[in-house]
Amino acid sequence: MLLAAAAGAPACAVEPGWKFAVISDVHLGDKADSSRTNVTFLNRVVSRLIAERPDFVVLTGDLTRGNQGDDVPIEKVREWWLTVHNSIKPLQDAGIPVVPLPGNHDYYTAAHRKAYEEAWKYFGTALSSFSIQGSPPLYYSFTHKNVHFTQLNIVAPYISPEQEAWLKNDLKRAQSAGLRFVFGHVPMDSALLGKPSAHFREQMSAILAAGRAAAYVSGHEHLNWDHEKEFNGWPVRQIIVGSAMEEPYNYPVRRALSAAYCRPCDGTCMMPYNEKHFATDPKTRLQKIRQTFYIFEVNQELKDGFSAAPYTLDGTGQLAPFYFPAGSGRLSVCPAAK
């Protein structure tokens, strides 16, 4: 059942049986050595996605390696974006557009920001059929097969008043769409930080609930998390996409979430949204599968009108699930120590 129908609002049909993918936090390029670009895993993901044939691929930021206050000249940052372009070009050559948005590591300094905006030339032509609205490449939206997609410039737990007003109007205009997805780099509700920004969470939840969004999809935290909280009578779902970085640095699940959803004896965890199980290290709280990306399937026969599944790749380049193949539901109690 579509979310709109579940909430008592009229549901509009979406075209069934199509997919889109989401990749985040690949951090391509290298400050000191341009030959070290960390593209191997991403290139394998691109090859797999060409075989999977999604309608498009969303890149939810941190595509490059900028850091706060670094002195990297714009010429080097442009090299990073050329590396991004060369890695995603096979998707575009296969007729699969790529939809970017900025992450904090793409946007710290003036050189980062200018190079990000210049890099739109690598994406805009392939997206020309999507009738993009807004202010690309910073924030913009389009509707595809009666599903609305909104890309935001969220590089910190903050949304500017200008962008907030635009987002509210954008979702309001898209109420005839069957589903509405919103993307930003930084989560509205952190699965990592001990004290997430309550103001940002409440602010974004209010906008998403009023706009009847199906989900907010983000990256940034180099872990997977999928949960839903009701806000003003609307189920606000957030999906945090993990990192597809070649040599990923990962972060632990927040201590309070680990205590609520993970078993201390062996680190087995239950994802809050779907109650599927996955593995963490019980000592570090790090998820054991470190390189992931998402594939979404849109079909109104599915719960909520879509599915969202995290994957990694096996040694042959085939899809391998992030979740355990078997087992779901509430975790059993750890066996008593002998």
Protein backbone atom coordinates (compact mmCIF):
# COMPACT_ATOMS: atom_id res chain seq x y z
CA MET A 1 0.00 0.00 0.00
CA LEU A 2 1.28 3.48 -0.78
CA LEU A 3 2.03 5.76 2.16
CA ALA A 4 -0.60 8.24 1.03
CA ALA A 5 -3.27 5.60 1.11
CA ALA A 6 -2.12 4.39 4.52
CA ALA A 7 -2.51 7.90 5.90
CA GLY A 8 -5.95 8.36 4.42
CA ALA A 9 -4.89 10.65 1.56
CA PRO A 10 -5.67 9.78 -2.06
CA ALA A 11 -2.93 7.66 -3.63
CA CYS A 12 -1.73 8.23 -7.19
CA ALA A 13 -0.42 5.24 -9.09
CA VAL A 14 3.27 4.96 -9.84
CA GLU A 15 4.59 3.06 -12.82
CA PRO A 16 5.53 -0.37 -11.45
CA GLY A 17 8.65 -2.44 -11.61
CA TRP A 18 11.53 0.02 -11.92
CA LYS A 19 14.62 0.77 -9.85
CA PHE A 20 16.98 3.51 -8.86
CA ALA A 21 20.22 3.22 -6.92
CA VAL A 22 21.97 5.37 -4.30
CA ILE A 23 25.74 5.57 -3.75
CA SER A 24 27.38 7.73 -1.08
CA ASP A 25 30.70 8.75 0.44
CA VAL A 26 33.17 7.45 -2.15
CA HIS A 27 35.79 10.17 -1.42
CA LEU A 28 37.61 9.93 -4.75
CA GLY A 29 40.95 11.55 -5.47
CA ASP A 30 43.95 12.06 -3.24
CA LYS A 31 45.41 15.29 -1.93
CA ALA A 32 49.05 14.38 -2.47
CA ASP A 33 49.03 11.78 -5.21
CA SER A 34 46.53 12.01 -8.06
CA SER A 35 47.35 8.43 -9.09
CA ARG A 36 45.74 7.20 -5.86
CA THR A 37 42.08 7.73 -6.63
CA ASN A 38 40.35 4.88 -4.73
CA VAL A 39 38.12 3.94 -7.64
CA THR A 40 38.33 0.13 -7.70
CA PHE A 41 35.27 -0.66 -5.58
CA LEU A 42 33.21 2.10 -7.19
CA ASN A 43 34.11 0.82 -10.65
CA ARG A 44 32.88 -2.63 -9.62
CA VAL A 45 29.65 -1.11 -8.30
CA VAL A 46 29.17 0.80 -11.55
CA SER A 47 29.62 -2.41 -13.57
CA ARG A 48 27.06 -4.20 -11.39
CA LEU A 49 24.55 -1.37 -11.65
CA ILE A 50 24.84 -1.32 -15.43
CA ALA A 51 23.78 -4.96 -15.33
CA GLU A 52 20.96 -4.17 -12.87
CA ARG A 53 19.62 -1.37 -15.13
CA PRO A 54 18.29 1.20 -12.63
CA ASP A 55 16.61 4.19 -14.24
CA PHE A 56 19.19 6.47 -12.59
CA VAL A 57 21.74 6.61 -9.76
CA VAL A 58 21.77 9.22 -6.97
CA LEU A 59 25.12 10.25 -5.47
CA THR A 60 24.44 11.58 -1.96
CA GLY A 61 27.63 13.57 -1.52
CA ASP A 62 31.19 13.30 -0.24
CA LEU A 63 32.30 12.31 -3.70
CA THR A 64 35.70 13.98 -3.23
CA ARG A 65 38.31 14.39 -0.48
CA GLY A 66 38.20 18.02 0.62
CA ASN A 67 38.75 18.88 4.25
CA GLN A 68 37.90 21.88 6.36
CA GLY A 69 40.54 24.59 5.96
CA ASP A 70 42.71 22.62 3.54
CA ASP A 71 44.87 24.46 1.04
CA VAL A 72 44.14 22.24 -1.96
CA PRO A 73 44.12 24.46 -5.09
CA ILE A 74 41.14 24.39 -7.39
CA GLU A 75 43.19 22.69 -10.12
CA LYS A 76 43.61 19.66 -7.85
CA VAL A 77 39.94 19.67 -6.86
CA ARG A 78 39.04 19.72 -10.54
CA GLU A 79 41.21 16.59 -10.94
CA TRP A 80 39.14 14.93 -8.22
CA TRP A 81 35.95 15.74 -10.11
CA LEU A 82 37.45 14.44 -13.34
CA THR A 83 38.09 11.17 -11.48
CA VAL A 84 34.43 11.15 -10.39
CA HIS A 85 33.37 11.80 -13.98
CA ASN A 86 35.54 9.01 -15.39
CA SER A 87 34.15 6.57 -12.83
CA ILE A 88 30.47 7.31 -13.42
CA LYS A 89 30.68 7.88 -17.19
CA PRO A 90 30.05 4.17 -17.99
CA LEU A 91 26.63 4.56 -16.33
CA GLN A 92 25.82 7.55 -18.53
CA ASP A 93 27.16 5.76 -21.62
CA ALA A 94 24.75 2.94 -20.77
CA GLY A 95 21.85 5.41 -20.66
CA ILE A 96 21.69 5.61 -16.83
CA PRO A 97 21.78 9.25 -15.63
CA VAL A 98 23.63 10.16 -12.45
CA VAL A 99 22.07 12.61 -9.98
CA PRO A 100 24.58 14.41 -7.68
CA LEU A 101 24.28 16.47 -4.54
CA PRO A 102 27.06 17.96 -2.39
CA GLY A 103 28.55 16.57 0.80
CA ASN A 104 30.57 18.43 3.38
CA HIS A 105 33.86 17.14 1.93
CA ASP A 106 32.82 18.55 -1.46
CA TYR A 107 31.95 21.94 -0.05
CA TYR A 108 34.25 23.24 2.71
CA THR A 109 36.40 25.81 0.91
CA ALA A 110 35.87 28.25 -1.92
CA ALA A 111 37.87 25.94 -4.21
CA HIS A 112 35.71 22.95 -3.26
CA ARG A 113 32.49 24.87 -3.85
CA LYS A 114 33.55 26.33 -7.18
CA ALA A 115 34.78 22.96 -8.48
CA TYR A 116 31.55 21.25 -7.36
CA GLU A 117 29.45 23.78 -9.26
CA GLU A 118 31.69 23.48 -12.33
CA ALA A 119 31.32 19.68 -12.22
CA TRP A 120 27.62 19.99 -13.09
CA LYS A 121 28.82 19.87 -16.71
CA TYR A 122 29.52 16.17 -16.13
CA PHE A 123 25.93 15.47 -15.07
CA GLY A 124 23.54 18.05 -16.52
CA THR A 125 23.42 16.80 -20.11
CA ALA A 126 22.42 13.27 -19.06
CA LEU A 127 19.73 14.78 -16.79
CA SER A 128 18.26 17.07 -19.44
CA SER A 129 15.25 14.82 -20.03
CA PHE A 130 14.21 15.08 -16.35
CA SER A 131 12.79 18.64 -16.53
CA ILE A 132 14.76 19.77 -13.50
CA GLN A 133 13.32 22.51 -11.29
CA GLY A 134 15.08 24.60 -8.64
CA SER A 135 18.71 25.74 -8.46
CA PRO A 136 20.97 22.95 -9.70
CA PRO A 137 23.52 21.77 -8.78
CA LEU A 138 22.84 22.87 -5.18
CA TYR A 139 19.17 21.99 -4.74
CA TYR A 140 16.71 20.84 -7.37
CA SER A 141 13.95 18.35 -8.12
CA PHE A 142 12.33 16.34 -10.89
CA THR A 143 9.49 13.88 -11.35
CA HIS A 144 10.10 10.50 -12.99
CA LYS A 145 7.36 7.94 -13.67
CA ASN A 146 5.07 9.80 -11.27
CA VAL A 147 7.62 9.72 -8.42
CA HIS A 148 9.11 13.01 -7.24
CA PHE A 149 12.79 13.36 -6.31
CA THR A 150 14.21 16.34 -4.39
CA GLN A 151 17.96 16.88 -4.00
CA LEU A 152 19.13 19.21 -1.21
CA ASN A 153 22.34 20.99 -0.23
CA ILE A 154 22.55 19.67 3.35
CA VAL A 155 26.26 19.59 4.28
CA ALA A 156 25.66 20.18 8.01
CA PRO A 157 22.66 19.67 10.33
CA TYR A 158 21.20 22.91 9.00
CA ILE A 159 18.93 24.03 6.16
CA SER A 160 19.01 27.66 5.05
CA PRO A 161 15.76 29.66 5.22
CA GLU A 162 15.83 30.06 1.43
CA GLN A 163 16.21 26.33 0.83
CA GLU A 164 13.65 25.48 3.51
CA ALA A 165 11.03 27.68 1.82
CA TRP A 166 11.85 26.17 -1.56
CA LEU A 167 11.60 22.60 -0.18
CA LYS A 168 8.19 23.24 1.35
CA ASN A 169 6.89 24.64 -1.94
CA ASP A 170 8.52 21.86 -3.94
CA LEU A 171 6.83 19.13 -1.92
CA LYS A 172 3.53 21.00 -1.98
CA ARG A 173 3.67 21.20 -5.78
CA ALA A 174 4.45 17.47 -5.95
CA GLN A 175 1.39 16.23 -4.03
CA SER A 176 -0.05 14.65 -7.17
CA ALA A 177 2.97 12.34 -7.44
CA GLY A 178 2.61 8.79 -6.18
CA LEU A 179 5.72 9.04 -3.98
CA ARG A 180 8.10 11.79 -2.90
CA PHE A 181 11.74 11.12 -1.98
CA VAL A 182 14.04 13.75 -0.44
CA PHE A 183 17.84 13.45 -0.47
CA GLY A 184 20.49 15.31 1.53
CA HIS A 185 23.99 14.43 2.60
CA VAL A 186 23.67 14.83 6.38
CA PRO A 187 21.01 12.77 8.22
CA MET A 188 18.23 14.63 9.98
CA ASP A 189 18.56 12.15 12.89
CA SER A 190 22.09 10.88 13.47
CA ALA A 191 22.75 7.17 14.05
CA LEU A 192 26.29 8.05 15.06
CA LEU A 193 26.41 11.11 17.29
CA GLY A 194 25.74 10.81 20.99
CA LYS A 195 23.66 13.99 20.91
CA PRO A 196 22.00 14.46 17.47
CA SER A 197 20.69 17.91 16.61
CA ALA A 198 17.16 17.88 18.00
CA HIS A 199 16.34 21.18 16.29
CA PHE A 200 17.36 19.96 12.84
CA ARG A 201 15.53 16.66 13.34
CA GLU A 202 12.31 18.41 14.36
CA GLN A 203 12.61 21.01 11.61
CA MET A 204 13.13 18.45 8.85
CA SER A 205 10.55 16.01 10.25
CA ALA A 206 7.93 18.76 10.18
CA ILE A 207 8.70 19.59 6.54
CA LEU A 208 8.74 15.95 5.44
CA ALA A 209 5.53 15.13 7.28
CA ALA A 210 3.72 18.16 5.86
CA GLY A 211 5.00 17.27 2.38
CA ARG A 212 4.04 13.59 2.78
CA ALA A 213 7.55 12.41 1.86
CA ALA A 214 8.11 8.68 1.50
CA ALA A 215 11.65 8.87 2.87
CA TYR A 216 14.63 11.10 3.54
CA VAL A 217 17.79 9.45 2.17
CA SER A 218 21.25 10.57 3.29
CA GLY A 219 24.86 9.50 3.64
CA HIS A 220 27.66 11.09 5.69
CA GLU A 221 27.91 8.62 8.59
CA HIS A 222 29.57 5.65 6.82
CA LEU A 223 27.04 3.20 8.23
CA ASN A 224 23.61 1.87 7.30
CA TRP A 225 20.54 2.79 9.31
CA ASP A 226 16.85 2.64 8.44
CA HIS A 227 14.17 3.78 10.85
CA GLU A 228 10.77 5.46 10.95
CA LYS A 229 9.24 7.82 13.51
CA GLU A 230 5.75 9.28 13.41
CA PHE A 231 5.55 13.05 13.27
CA ASN A 232 2.20 14.87 13.23
CA GLY A 233 0.49 11.66 12.19
CA TRP A 234 2.87 10.90 9.30
CA PRO A 235 5.50 8.10 9.28
CA VAL A 236 8.78 9.93 8.64
CA ARG A 237 11.33 7.40 7.38
CA GLN A 238 15.06 8.05 7.22
CA ILE A 239 17.53 5.84 5.35
CA ILE A 240 21.25 6.41 5.92
CA VAL A 241 23.30 4.96 3.07
CA GLY A 242 26.72 3.55 3.96
CA SER A 243 30.00 4.24 2.20
CA ALA A 244 31.11 2.81 -1.15
CA MET A 245 34.68 3.95 -0.51
CA GLU A 246 37.56 1.76 -1.71
CA GLU A 247 39.22 1.71 1.72
CA PRO A 248 36.34 2.76 3.96
CA TYR A 249 36.71 4.30 7.34
CA ASN A 250 33.56 3.42 9.23
CA TYR A 251 31.88 4.71 12.35
CA PRO A 252 30.10 2.86 15.16
CA VAL A 253 26.37 2.76 15.68
CA ARG A 254 25.42 5.22 18.42
CA ARG A 255 25.69 3.61 21.85
CA ALA A 256 22.01 4.10 22.72
CA LEU A 257 20.88 2.58 19.40
CA SER A 258 23.25 -0.34 19.81
CA ALA A 259 21.85 -0.99 23.29
CA ALA A 260 18.29 -0.92 21.94
CA TYR A 261 18.77 -2.94 18.74
CA CYS A 262 21.93 -5.07 19.10
CA ARG A 263 22.76 -8.17 21.11
CA PRO A 264 25.88 -7.66 23.25
CA CYS A 265 27.03 -11.27 23.22
CA ASP A 266 27.67 -11.51 19.47
CA GLY A 267 26.85 -8.10 17.95
CA THR A 268 23.82 -9.30 15.98
CA CYS A 269 21.54 -6.30 15.39
CA MET A 270 18.01 -5.69 14.20
CA MET A 271 17.31 -2.80 11.84
CA PRO A 272 14.46 -0.76 13.38
CA TYR A 273 12.44 -0.24 10.19
CA ASN A 274 12.22 -3.78 8.83
CA GLU A 275 13.49 -5.90 11.77
CA LYS A 276 16.07 -7.57 9.50
CA HIS A 277 19.29 -8.75 11.11
CA PHE A 278 22.88 -7.72 10.39
CA ALA A 279 26.29 -8.08 11.99
CA THR A 280 28.35 -5.70 14.11
CA ASP A 281 31.42 -6.12 16.26
CA PRO A 282 30.05 -6.12 19.83
CA LYS A 283 33.19 -4.40 21.15
CA THR A 284 33.45 -1.56 18.62
CA ARG A 285 29.78 -1.32 17.45
CA LEU A 286 31.10 -1.14 13.87
CA GLN A 287 29.00 -2.81 11.17
CA LYS A 288 30.96 -5.74 9.77
CA ILE A 289 30.03 -5.12 6.12
CA ARG A 290 31.88 -1.89 5.45
CA GLN A 291 31.24 -1.10 1.75
CA THR A 292 27.60 -0.69 0.76
CA PHE A 293 25.16 0.99 -1.60
CA TYR A 294 21.37 0.86 -2.00
CA ILE A 295 18.96 -0.30 -4.67
CA PHE A 296 15.37 0.96 -4.47
CA GLU A 297 12.52 -0.80 -6.29
CA VAL A 298 9.35 1.17 -6.99
CA ASN A 299 6.20 -0.92 -7.14
CA GLN A 300 2.87 -0.08 -5.54
CA GLU A 301 2.37 -3.74 -4.68
CA LEU A 302 5.20 -3.39 -2.15
CA LYS A 303 4.77 -2.09 1.39
CA ASP A 304 4.94 1.72 1.19
CA GLY A 305 5.09 1.50 -2.61
CA PHE A 306 8.82 0.78 -2.68
CA SER A 307 11.63 -1.27 -1.18
CA ALA A 308 15.10 -0.09 -0.17
CA ALA A 309 17.83 -2.72 0.13
CA PRO A 310 21.52 -2.25 1.03
CA TYR A 311 24.08 -4.37 -0.81
CA THR A 312 27.77 -5.00 -1.08
CA LEU A 313 29.57 -7.03 -3.77
CA ASP A 314 30.99 -10.52 -3.44
CA GLY A 315 34.32 -11.58 -4.91
CA THR A 316 32.79 -12.11 -8.35
CA GLY A 317 31.10 -8.71 -8.51
CA GLN A 318 27.62 -10.05 -7.80
CA LEU A 319 25.19 -8.43 -5.37
CA ALA A 320 25.54 -9.64 -1.80
CA PRO A 321 23.00 -8.55 0.84
CA PHE A 322 23.91 -6.44 3.84
CA TYR A 323 21.26 -8.26 5.90
CA PHE A 324 21.48 -11.90 6.92
CA PRO A 325 19.78 -14.07 4.27
CA ALA A 326 17.63 -15.66 6.98
CA GLY A 327 16.33 -14.41 10.27
CA SER A 328 14.34 -11.34 11.20
CA GLY A 329 12.22 -10.04 14.03
CA ARG A 330 13.02 -9.29 17.64
CA LEU A 331 16.36 -10.63 18.78
CA SER A 332 16.48 -13.50 21.20
CA VAL A 333 18.14 -12.96 24.55
CA CYS A 334 21.84 -13.76 24.78
CA PRO A 335 22.45 -17.21 26.25
CA ALA A 336 23.54 -17.21 29.85
CA ALA A 337 27.28 -17.45 30.40
CA LYS A 338 28.44 -20.83 31.68
